[in-house]
PDB file of N, CA and C in Angstrom:
ATOM      1  N   MET A   1      21.315   7.113 -55.521  1.00  0.00           N
ATOM      2  CA  MET A   1      22.191   7.632 -54.471  1.00  0.00           C
ATOM      3  C   MET A   1      21.248   7.443 -53.203  1.00  0.00           C
ATOM      4  N   GLY A   2      21.305   6.125 -52.722  1.00  0.00           N
ATOM      5  CA  GLY A   2      20.420   5.827 -51.439  1.00  0.00           C
ATOM      6  C   GLY A   2      21.194   4.684 -50.576  1.00  0.00           C
ATOM      7  N   LYS A   3      20.231   3.648 -50.114  1.00  0.00           N
ATOM      8  CA  LYS A   3      20.705   2.670 -49.285  1.00  0.00           C
ATOM      9  C   LYS A   3      21.817   1.954 -49.915  1.00  0.00           C
ATOM     10  N   GLY A   4      21.750   1.651 -51.301  1.00  0.00           N
ATOM     11  CA  GLY A   4      22.598   0.884 -51.938  1.00  0.00           C
ATOM     12  C   GLY A   4      24.195   1.415 -52.338  1.00  0.00           C
ATOM     13  N   ASP A   5      24.233   2.664 -51.908  1.00  0.00           N
ATOM     14  CA  ASP A   5      25.579   3.453 -52.520  1.00  0.00           C
ATOM     15  C   ASP A   5      26.264   3.589 -51.269  1.00  0.00           C
ATOM     16  N   LYS A   6      27.394   2.714 -51.362  1.00  0.00           N
ATOM     17  CA  LYS A   6      28.361   2.801 -49.930  1.00  0.00           C
ATOM     18  C   LYS A   6      29.114   4.387 -49.894  1.00  0.00           C
ATOM     19  N   ARG A   7      28.889   4.919 -50.885  1.00  0.00           N
ATOM     20  CA  ARG A   7      29.646   6.447 -50.705  1.00  0.00           C
ATOM     21  C   ARG A   7      28.825   7.408 -49.767  1.00  0.00           C
ATOM     22  N   THR A   8      27.489   7.193 -49.691  1.00  0.00           N
ATOM     23  CA  THR A   8      26.594   8.066 -49.068  1.00  0.00           C
ATOM     24  C   THR A   8      26.505   7.598 -47.413  1.00  0.00           C
ATOM     25  N   LYS A   9      26.267   8.631 -46.527  1.00  0.00           N
ATOM     26  CA  LYS A   9      25.861   8.355 -45.052  1.00  0.00           C
ATOM     27  C   LYS A   9      24.854   7.218 -44.930  1.00  0.00           C
ATOM     28  N   ARG A  10      23.799   7.317 -45.587  1.00  0.00           N
ATOM     29  CA  ARG A  10      22.796   6.278 -45.410  1.00  0.00           C
ATOM     30  C   ARG A  10      23.086   5.026 -46.019  1.00  0.00           C
ATOM     31  N   GLY A  11      23.872   5.005 -47.030  1.00  0.00           N
ATOM     32  CA  GLY A  11      24.415   3.665 -47.656  1.00  0.00           C
ATOM     33  C   GLY A  11      25.289   3.043 -46.775  1.00  0.00           C
ATOM     34  N   LYS A  12      26.071   3.994 -45.874  1.00  0.00           N
ATOM     35  CA  LYS A  12      27.166   3.106 -44.900  1.00  0.00           C
ATOM     36  C   LYS A  12      26.294   2.586 -43.645  1.00  0.00           C
ATOM     37  N   ILE A  13      25.112   3.287 -43.401  1.00  0.00           N
ATOM     38  CA  ILE A  13      24.544   2.908 -42.314  1.00  0.00           C
ATOM     39  C   ILE A  13      23.945   1.729 -42.448  1.00  0.00           C
ATOM     40  N   HIS A  14      23.239   1.338 -43.747  1.00  0.00           N
ATOM     41  CA  HIS A  14      22.609   0.284 -44.251  1.00  0.00           C
ATOM     42  C   HIS A  14      23.507  -1.032 -44.324  1.00  0.00           C
ATOM     43  N   ILE A  15      24.650  -0.576 -44.778  1.00  0.00           N
ATOM     44  CA  ILE A  15      25.828  -1.542 -44.938  1.00  0.00           C
ATOM     45  C   ILE A  15      26.573  -2.018 -43.641  1.00  0.00           C
ATOM     46  N   GLY A  16      26.817  -0.729 -42.833  1.00  0.00           N
ATOM     47  CA  GLY A  16      27.319  -0.967 -41.437  1.00  0.00           C
ATOM     48  C   GLY A  16      28.885  -0.764 -41.466  1.00  0.00           C
ATOM     49  N   SER A  17      29.163   0.158 -42.426  1.00  0.00           N
ATOM     50  CA  SER A  17      30.533   0.489 -42.586  1.00  0.00           C
ATOM     51  C   SER A  17      30.676   1.954 -42.087  1.00  0.00           C
ATOM     52  N   THR A  18      32.217   2.208 -42.062  1.00  0.00           N
ATOM     53  CA  THR A  18      32.365   3.524 -41.529  1.00  0.00           C
ATOM     54  C   THR A  18      33.535   4.180 -42.838  1.00  0.00           C
ATOM     55  N   GLY A  19      33.741   5.502 -42.614  1.00  0.00           N
ATOM     56  CA  GLY A  19      34.522   6.116 -43.624  1.00  0.00           C
ATOM     57  C   GLY A  19      34.416   7.627 -43.585  1.00  0.00           C
ATOM     58  N   VAL A  20      34.690   8.500 -44.595  1.00  0.00           N
ATOM     59  CA  VAL A  20      34.720   9.668 -44.319  1.00  0.00           C
ATOM     60  C   VAL A  20      33.349  10.173 -43.878  1.00  0.00           C
ATOM     61  N   LYS A  21      32.476   9.812 -44.549  1.00  0.00           N
ATOM     62  CA  LYS A  21      31.115  10.316 -44.490  1.00  0.00           C
ATOM     63  C   LYS A  21      30.216  10.018 -43.169  1.00  0.00           C
ATOM     64  N   ARG A  22      30.801   8.841 -42.578  1.00  0.00           N
ATOM     65  CA  ARG A  22      30.212   8.287 -41.404  1.00  0.00           C
ATOM     66  C   ARG A  22      31.388   7.755 -40.693  1.00  0.00           C
ATOM     67  N   GLN A  23      32.003   8.539 -39.657  1.00  0.00           N
ATOM     68  CA  GLN A  23      33.213   8.262 -39.008  1.00  0.00           C
ATOM     69  C   GLN A  23      32.846   7.270 -37.650  1.00  0.00           C
ATOM     70  N   LYS A  24      33.592   6.400 -37.024  1.00  0.00           N
ATOM     71  CA  LYS A  24      33.689   5.803 -35.930  1.00  0.00           C
ATOM     72  C   LYS A  24      33.510   6.906 -34.792  1.00  0.00           C
ATOM     73  N   LYS A  25      32.611   6.463 -33.604  1.00  0.00           N
ATOM     74  CA  LYS A  25      32.863   7.408 -32.445  1.00  0.00           C
ATOM     75  C   LYS A  25      34.042   6.667 -31.583  1.00  0.00           C
ATOM     76  N   LYS A  26      34.700   7.948 -31.403  1.00  0.00           N
ATOM     77  CA  LYS A  26      36.000   7.625 -30.258  1.00  0.00           C
ATOM     78  C   LYS A  26      35.428   6.893 -28.962  1.00  0.00           C
ATOM     79  N   LYS A  27      36.344   6.072 -28.453  1.00  0.00           N
ATOM     80  CA  LYS A  27      35.969   5.348 -27.320  1.00  0.00           C
ATOM     81  C   LYS A  27      36.438   6.356 -26.086  1.00  0.00           C
ATOM     82  N   ALA A  28      35.646   6.561 -24.990  1.00  0.00           N
ATOM     83  CA  ALA A  28      35.963   7.387 -24.032  1.00  0.00           C
ATOM     84  C   ALA A  28      37.120   6.561 -23.079  1.00  0.00           C
ATOM     85  N   ALA A  29      38.014   7.548 -22.620  1.00  0.00           N
ATOM     86  CA  ALA A  29      39.037   7.108 -21.817  1.00  0.00           C
ATOM     87  C   ALA A  29      38.566   6.458 -20.445  1.00  0.00           C
ATOM     88  N   LYS A  30      39.035   5.356 -20.092  1.00  0.00           N
ATOM     89  CA  LYS A  30      38.823   4.737 -18.930  1.00  0.00           C
ATOM     90  C   LYS A  30      39.234   5.439 -17.777  1.00  0.00           C
ATOM     91  N   LYS A  31      38.597   5.513 -16.624  1.00  0.00           N
ATOM     92  CA  LYS A  31      38.894   6.416 -15.453  1.00  0.00           C
ATOM     93  C   LYS A  31      39.561   5.476 -14.622  1.00  0.00           C
ATOM     94  N   THR A  32      40.629   6.063 -13.926  1.00  0.00           N
ATOM     95  CA  THR A  32      41.453   5.053 -12.984  1.00  0.00           C
ATOM     96  C   THR A  32      41.129   5.297 -11.637  1.00  0.00           C
ATOM     97  N   ALA A  33      41.478   4.513 -10.711  1.00  0.00           N
ATOM     98  CA  ALA A  33      41.319   4.592  -9.371  1.00  0.00           C
ATOM     99  C   ALA A  33      41.714   5.898  -8.658  1.00  0.00           C
ATOM    100  N   SER A  34      42.718   6.292  -9.241  1.00  0.00           N
ATOM    101  CA  SER A  34      43.126   7.747  -8.601  1.00  0.00           C
ATOM    102  C   SER A  34      42.354   8.983  -9.041  1.00  0.00           C
ATOM    103  N   THR A  35      41.908   8.876 -10.371  1.00  0.00           N
ATOM    104  CA  THR A  35      41.108  10.077 -11.144  1.00  0.00           C
ATOM    105  C   THR A  35      39.577  10.067 -10.717  1.00  0.00           C
ATOM    106  N   ALA A  36      39.181   8.877 -10.370  1.00  0.00           N
ATOM    107  CA  ALA A  36      37.732   8.800 -10.030  1.00  0.00           C
ATOM    108  C   ALA A  36      37.468   9.160  -8.633  1.00  0.00           C
ATOM    109  N   ALA A  37      36.493   9.963  -8.373  1.00  0.00           N
ATOM    110  CA  ALA A  37      36.165  10.488  -6.982  1.00  0.00           C
ATOM    111  C   ALA A  37      35.558   9.139  -6.015  1.00  0.00           C
ATOM    112  N   PRO A  38      36.076   9.304  -5.127  1.00  0.00           N
ATOM    113  CA  PRO A  38      35.581   7.999  -4.238  1.00  0.00           C
ATOM    114  C   PRO A  38      33.978   8.124  -3.759  1.00  0.00           C
ATOM    115  N   LYS A  39      33.552   7.044  -3.866  1.00  0.00           N
ATOM    116  CA  LYS A  39      31.976   7.100  -3.555  1.00  0.00           C
ATOM    117  C   LYS A  39      31.850   6.722  -2.368  1.00  0.00           C
ATOM    118  N   LYS A  40      30.603   7.579  -1.532  1.00  0.00           N
ATOM    119  CA  LYS A  40      30.227   7.180  -0.321  1.00  0.00           C
ATOM    120  C   LYS A  40      28.961   6.329  -0.534  1.00  0.00           C
ATOM    121  N   ALA A  41      29.099   5.345   0.554  1.00  0.00           N
ATOM    122  CA  ALA A  41      27.902   4.520   0.772  1.00  0.00           C
ATOM    123  C   ALA A  41      26.658   5.373   1.149  1.00  0.00           C
ATOM    124  N   ALA A  42      25.737   5.192   0.220  1.00  0.00           N
ATOM    125  CA  ALA A  42      24.517   5.989   0.806  1.00  0.00           C
ATOM    126  C   ALA A  42      23.716   5.007   1.556  1.00  0.00           C
ATOM    127  N   ALA A  43      23.525   5.457   2.653  1.00  0.00           N
ATOM    128  CA  ALA A  43      22.443   4.606   3.746  1.00  0.00           C
ATOM    129  C   ALA A  43      21.013   4.820   3.341  1.00  0.00           C
ATOM    130  N   LYS A  44      20.309   3.916   2.882  1.00  0.00           N
ATOM    131  CA  LYS A  44      18.938   4.093   2.499  1.00  0.00           C
ATOM    132  C   LYS A  44      18.010   3.847   3.662  1.00  0.00           C
ATOM    133  N   LYS A  45      17.205   4.801   3.932  1.00  0.00           N
ATOM    134  CA  LYS A  45      16.313   4.735   5.025  1.00  0.00           C
ATOM    135  C   LYS A  45      14.809   4.138   4.457  1.00  0.00           C
ATOM    136  N   ALA A  46      14.215   3.397   5.297  1.00  0.00           N
ATOM    137  CA  ALA A  46      13.067   2.901   4.935  1.00  0.00           C
ATOM    138  C   ALA A  46      11.929   3.966   5.002  1.00  0.00           C
ATOM    139  N   ALA A  47      11.178   4.040   4.169  1.00  0.00           N
ATOM    140  CA  ALA A  47       9.908   5.014   4.200  1.00  0.00           C
ATOM    141  C   ALA A  47       8.915   4.520   5.333  1.00  0.00           C
ATOM    142  N   PRO A  48       8.422   5.498   6.002  1.00  0.00           N
ATOM    143  CA  PRO A  48       7.505   5.111   7.092  1.00  0.00           C
ATOM    144  C   PRO A  48       6.302   4.484   6.460  1.00  0.00           C
ATOM    145  N   LYS A  49       5.815   3.584   7.251  1.00  0.00           N
ATOM    146  CA  LYS A  49       4.545   2.850   6.495  1.00  0.00           C
ATOM    147  C   LYS A  49       3.328   3.624   6.857  1.00  0.00           C
ATOM    148  N   LYS A  50       2.480   3.584   6.065  1.00  0.00           N
ATOM    149  CA  LYS A  50       0.981   4.332   6.278  1.00  0.00           C
ATOM    150  C   LYS A  50       0.217   3.413   6.914  1.00  0.00           C
ATOM    151  N   ALA A  51      -0.632   3.701   7.930  1.00  0.00           N
ATOM    152  CA  ALA A  51      -1.582   2.926   8.418  1.00  0.00           C
ATOM    153  C   ALA A  51      -2.588   2.565   7.488  1.00  0.00           C
ATOM    154  N   ALA A  52      -3.126   1.575   7.622  1.00  0.00           N
ATOM    155  CA  ALA A  52      -4.045   0.932   6.494  1.00  0.00           C
ATOM    156  C   ALA A  52      -5.420   1.453   7.051  1.00  0.00           C
ATOM    157  N   LYS A  53      -6.332   2.178   6.240  1.00  0.00           N
ATOM    158  CA  LYS A  53      -7.609   2.447   6.546  1.00  0.00           C
ATOM    159  C   LYS A  53      -8.482   1.251   6.988  1.00  0.00           C
ATOM    160  N   LYS A  54      -9.275   1.489   7.994  1.00  0.00           N
ATOM    161  CA  LYS A  54     -10.009   0.449   8.439  1.00  0.00           C
ATOM    162  C   LYS A  54     -11.379   0.837   7.948  1.00  0.00           C
ATOM    163  N   ALA A  55     -12.353  -0.185   7.310  1.00  0.00           N
ATOM    164  CA  ALA A  55     -13.667  -0.134   6.946  1.00  0.00           C
ATOM    165  C   ALA A  55     -14.535  -0.122   8.179  1.00  0.00           C
ATOM    166  N   ASP A  56     -15.400   1.038   8.151  1.00  0.00           N
ATOM    167  CA  ASP A  56     -16.368   1.079   9.319  1.00  0.00           C
ATOM    168  C   ASP A  56     -17.640   0.229   9.041  1.00  0.00           C
TER     169      ASP A  56
END
């Protein structure tokens, strides 16, 4: 009972199959334009530049 056994979860992971012991993940429903919240354009402000230190 290990990687070679297709009835176990570890075996299914190794083989790459799905079934009762390892089920497929459900796909998330796509959002439509009416259900999605409208995004606001965020205006990015440039950070103030620091003055370079002068060597004395």
